[in-house]
Amino acid sequence: MSRLLTDDEISRQLGDLPGWERDGEAIVATIEAPDFPAAIRIVATAADEAEQMNHHPDIDIRWRTTRWLLTSHDAGGLTQLDVELAHRINAAARAEGASLDG
């Protein structure tokens, strides 16, 4: 199990994650894709990354808008796995021309 991040570590690392913010013991982002197929490609790419990491996000898809929630349930809060997966989700979003500002 990964160790929980401190509040300072979370705040510092969120500075490098456009579009992500803390929501209690999770980090969340809303990503606007250019269209529905692009949103699905972002989800598919992120799903592959998540499976490789054995760390799976909560995802909501509404047309071209995706909402992401990351937390480490087994650790009871935020770990480095959440931050790493958020970076990978952002990379997938950028590759599809998505807006990371929600």
C-alpha atoms as a PDB file:
ATOM      1  CA  MET A   1       0.000   0.000   0.000  1.00  0.00           C
ATOM      2  CA  SER A   2       1.219   3.504  -0.830  1.00  0.00           C
ATOM      3  CA  ARG A   3       1.620   6.044   1.967  1.00  0.00           C
ATOM      4  CA  LEU A   4      -0.790   8.929   2.343  1.00  0.00           C
ATOM      5  CA  LEU A   5       0.448  12.294   1.094  1.00  0.00           C
ATOM      6  CA  THR A   6       0.596  15.218   3.503  1.00  0.00           C
ATOM      7  CA  ASP A   7      -1.538  18.307   2.925  1.00  0.00           C
ATOM      8  CA  ASP A   8       1.585  20.222   1.864  1.00  0.00           C
ATOM      9  CA  GLU A   9       2.582  17.508  -0.614  1.00  0.00           C
ATOM     10  CA  ILE A  10      -0.913  17.484  -2.108  1.00  0.00           C
ATOM     11  CA  SER A  11      -1.024  21.274  -2.451  1.00  0.00           C
ATOM     12  CA  ARG A  12       2.426  21.403  -4.040  1.00  0.00           C
ATOM     13  CA  GLN A  13       1.693  18.627  -6.520  1.00  0.00           C
ATOM     14  CA  LEU A  14      -1.680  20.061  -7.504  1.00  0.00           C
ATOM     15  CA  GLY A  15       0.257  23.117  -8.699  1.00  0.00           C
ATOM     16  CA  ASP A  16       1.611  20.909 -11.501  1.00  0.00           C
ATOM     17  CA  LEU A  17      -1.802  19.466 -12.403  1.00  0.00           C
ATOM     18  CA  PRO A  18      -3.900  21.929 -14.418  1.00  0.00           C
ATOM     19  CA  GLY A  19      -7.614  21.420 -13.889  1.00  0.00           C
ATOM     20  CA  TRP A  20      -7.313  19.258 -10.750  1.00  0.00           C
ATOM     21  CA  GLU A  21      -8.422  20.285  -7.271  1.00  0.00           C
ATOM     22  CA  ARG A  22      -8.750  18.644  -3.922  1.00  0.00           C
ATOM     23  CA  ASP A  23     -12.148  17.433  -2.778  1.00  0.00           C
ATOM     24  CA  GLY A  24     -11.751  15.980   0.711  1.00  0.00           C
ATOM     25  CA  GLU A  25      -9.715  12.798   0.440  1.00  0.00           C
ATOM     26  CA  ALA A  26      -9.761  12.834  -3.372  1.00  0.00           C
ATOM     27  CA  ILE A  27      -8.646  14.943  -6.306  1.00  0.00           C
ATOM     28  CA  VAL A  28     -11.134  15.775  -9.039  1.00  0.00           C
ATOM     29  CA  ALA A  29     -11.082  17.259 -12.526  1.00  0.00           C
ATOM     30  CA  THR A  30     -13.562  18.038 -15.264  1.00  0.00           C
ATOM     31  CA  ILE A  31     -12.147  17.697 -18.756  1.00  0.00           C
ATOM     32  CA  GLU A  32     -13.895  19.008 -21.870  1.00  0.00           C
ATOM     33  CA  ALA A  33     -13.019  17.059 -25.008  1.00  0.00           C
ATOM     34  CA  PRO A  34     -13.540  18.543 -28.469  1.00  0.00           C
ATOM     35  CA  ASP A  35     -16.280  15.972 -29.159  1.00  0.00           C
ATOM     36  CA  PHE A  36     -17.765  12.728 -27.861  1.00  0.00           C
ATOM     37  CA  PRO A  37     -15.367  10.365 -29.712  1.00  0.00           C
ATOM     38  CA  ALA A  38     -12.388  12.284 -28.281  1.00  0.00           C
ATOM     39  CA  ALA A  39     -13.854  11.990 -24.775  1.00  0.00           C
ATOM     40  CA  ILE A  40     -14.154   8.235 -25.223  1.00  0.00           C
ATOM     41  CA  ARG A  41     -10.550   8.018 -26.497  1.00  0.00           C
ATOM     42  CA  ILE A  42      -9.350   9.904 -23.388  1.00  0.00           C
ATOM     43  CA  VAL A  43     -11.236   7.460 -21.180  1.00  0.00           C
ATOM     44  CA  ALA A  44      -9.878   4.455 -23.110  1.00  0.00           C
ATOM     45  CA  THR A  45      -6.286   5.704 -22.872  1.00  0.00           C
ATOM     46  CA  ALA A  46      -6.681   6.511 -19.182  1.00  0.00           C
ATOM     47  CA  ALA A  47      -8.256   3.098 -18.584  1.00  0.00           C
ATOM     48  CA  ASP A  48      -5.198   1.403 -20.101  1.00  0.00           C
ATOM     49  CA  GLU A  49      -2.883   3.491 -17.910  1.00  0.00           C
ATOM     50  CA  ALA A  50      -5.001   2.808 -14.813  1.00  0.00           C
ATOM     51  CA  GLU A  51      -5.009  -0.924 -15.489  1.00  0.00           C
ATOM     52  CA  GLN A  52      -1.205  -0.946 -15.815  1.00  0.00           C
ATOM     53  CA  MET A  53      -0.987   0.868 -12.468  1.00  0.00           C
ATOM     54  CA  ASN A  54      -3.727  -1.265 -10.868  1.00  0.00           C
ATOM     55  CA  HIS A  55      -5.233   2.036  -9.740  1.00  0.00           C
ATOM     56  CA  HIS A  56      -8.674   2.835 -11.084  1.00  0.00           C
ATOM     57  CA  PRO A  57     -10.461   6.215 -11.214  1.00  0.00           C
ATOM     58  CA  ASP A  58     -14.139   7.006 -10.854  1.00  0.00           C
ATOM     59  CA  ILE A  59     -15.236   8.412 -14.226  1.00  0.00           C
ATOM     60  CA  ASP A  60     -18.427  10.137 -15.324  1.00  0.00           C
ATOM     61  CA  ILE A  61     -18.994  10.797 -19.040  1.00  0.00           C
ATOM     62  CA  ARG A  62     -21.621  13.268 -20.262  1.00  0.00           C
ATOM     63  CA  TRP A  63     -21.358  13.863 -24.012  1.00  0.00           C
ATOM     64  CA  ARG A  64     -17.902  15.467 -24.370  1.00  0.00           C
ATOM     65  CA  THR A  65     -17.425  16.254 -20.675  1.00  0.00           C
ATOM     66  CA  THR A  66     -15.621  13.803 -18.434  1.00  0.00           C
ATOM     67  CA  ARG A  67     -15.384  14.104 -14.653  1.00  0.00           C
ATOM     68  CA  TRP A  68     -12.634  12.260 -12.819  1.00  0.00           C
ATOM     69  CA  LEU A  69     -12.233  11.396  -9.144  1.00  0.00           C
ATOM     70  CA  LEU A  70      -9.039   9.836  -7.824  1.00  0.00           C
ATOM     71  CA  THR A  71      -8.380   8.485  -4.352  1.00  0.00           C
ATOM     72  CA  SER A  72      -6.579   5.487  -2.890  1.00  0.00           C
ATOM     73  CA  HIS A  73      -9.400   3.632  -1.168  1.00  0.00           C
ATOM     74  CA  ASP A  74      -7.069   1.048   0.381  1.00  0.00           C
ATOM     75  CA  ALA A  75      -4.932   3.802   1.947  1.00  0.00           C
ATOM     76  CA  GLY A  76      -7.888   5.954   2.989  1.00  0.00           C
ATOM     77  CA  GLY A  77      -6.888   9.076   1.074  1.00  0.00           C
ATOM     78  CA  LEU A  78      -4.503  10.520  -1.472  1.00  0.00           C
ATOM     79  CA  THR A  79      -1.256   8.814  -2.441  1.00  0.00           C
ATOM     80  CA  GLN A  80       1.372   9.316  -5.114  1.00  0.00           C
ATOM     81  CA  LEU A  81      -0.570   6.851  -7.300  1.00  0.00           C
ATOM     82  CA  ASP A  82      -3.404   9.381  -7.546  1.00  0.00           C
ATOM     83  CA  VAL A  83      -1.047  12.165  -8.592  1.00  0.00           C
ATOM     84  CA  GLU A  84       0.699   9.962 -11.163  1.00  0.00           C
ATOM     85  CA  LEU A  85      -2.588   8.809 -12.673  1.00  0.00           C
ATOM     86  CA  ALA A  86      -3.814  12.425 -12.856  1.00  0.00           C
ATOM     87  CA  HIS A  87      -0.688  13.320 -14.857  1.00  0.00           C
ATOM     88  CA  ARG A  88      -1.374  10.416 -17.222  1.00  0.00           C
ATOM     89  CA  ILE A  89      -5.023  11.462 -17.622  1.00  0.00           C
ATOM     90  CA  ASN A  90      -3.904  15.019 -18.417  1.00  0.00           C
ATOM     91  CA  ALA A  91      -1.458  13.692 -21.026  1.00  0.00           C
ATOM     92  CA  ALA A  92      -4.266  11.681 -22.660  1.00  0.00           C
ATOM     93  CA  ALA A  93      -6.506  14.758 -22.602  1.00  0.00           C
ATOM     94  CA  ARG A  94      -3.831  16.998 -24.155  1.00  0.00           C
ATOM     95  CA  ALA A  95      -3.249  14.432 -26.906  1.00  0.00           C
ATOM     96  CA  GLU A  96      -6.942  14.756 -27.837  1.00  0.00           C
ATOM     97  CA  GLY A  97      -6.965  18.564 -27.701  1.00  0.00           C
ATOM     98  CA  ALA A  98      -9.138  18.661 -24.588  1.00  0.00           C
ATOM     99  CA  SER A  99      -9.491  21.575 -22.183  1.00  0.00           C
ATOM    100  CA  LEU A 100      -7.983  20.882 -18.769  1.00  0.00           C
ATOM    101  CA  ASP A 101      -9.702  23.839 -17.153  1.00  0.00           C
ATOM    102  CA  GLY A 102     -13.108  22.213 -16.823  1.00  0.00           C
END
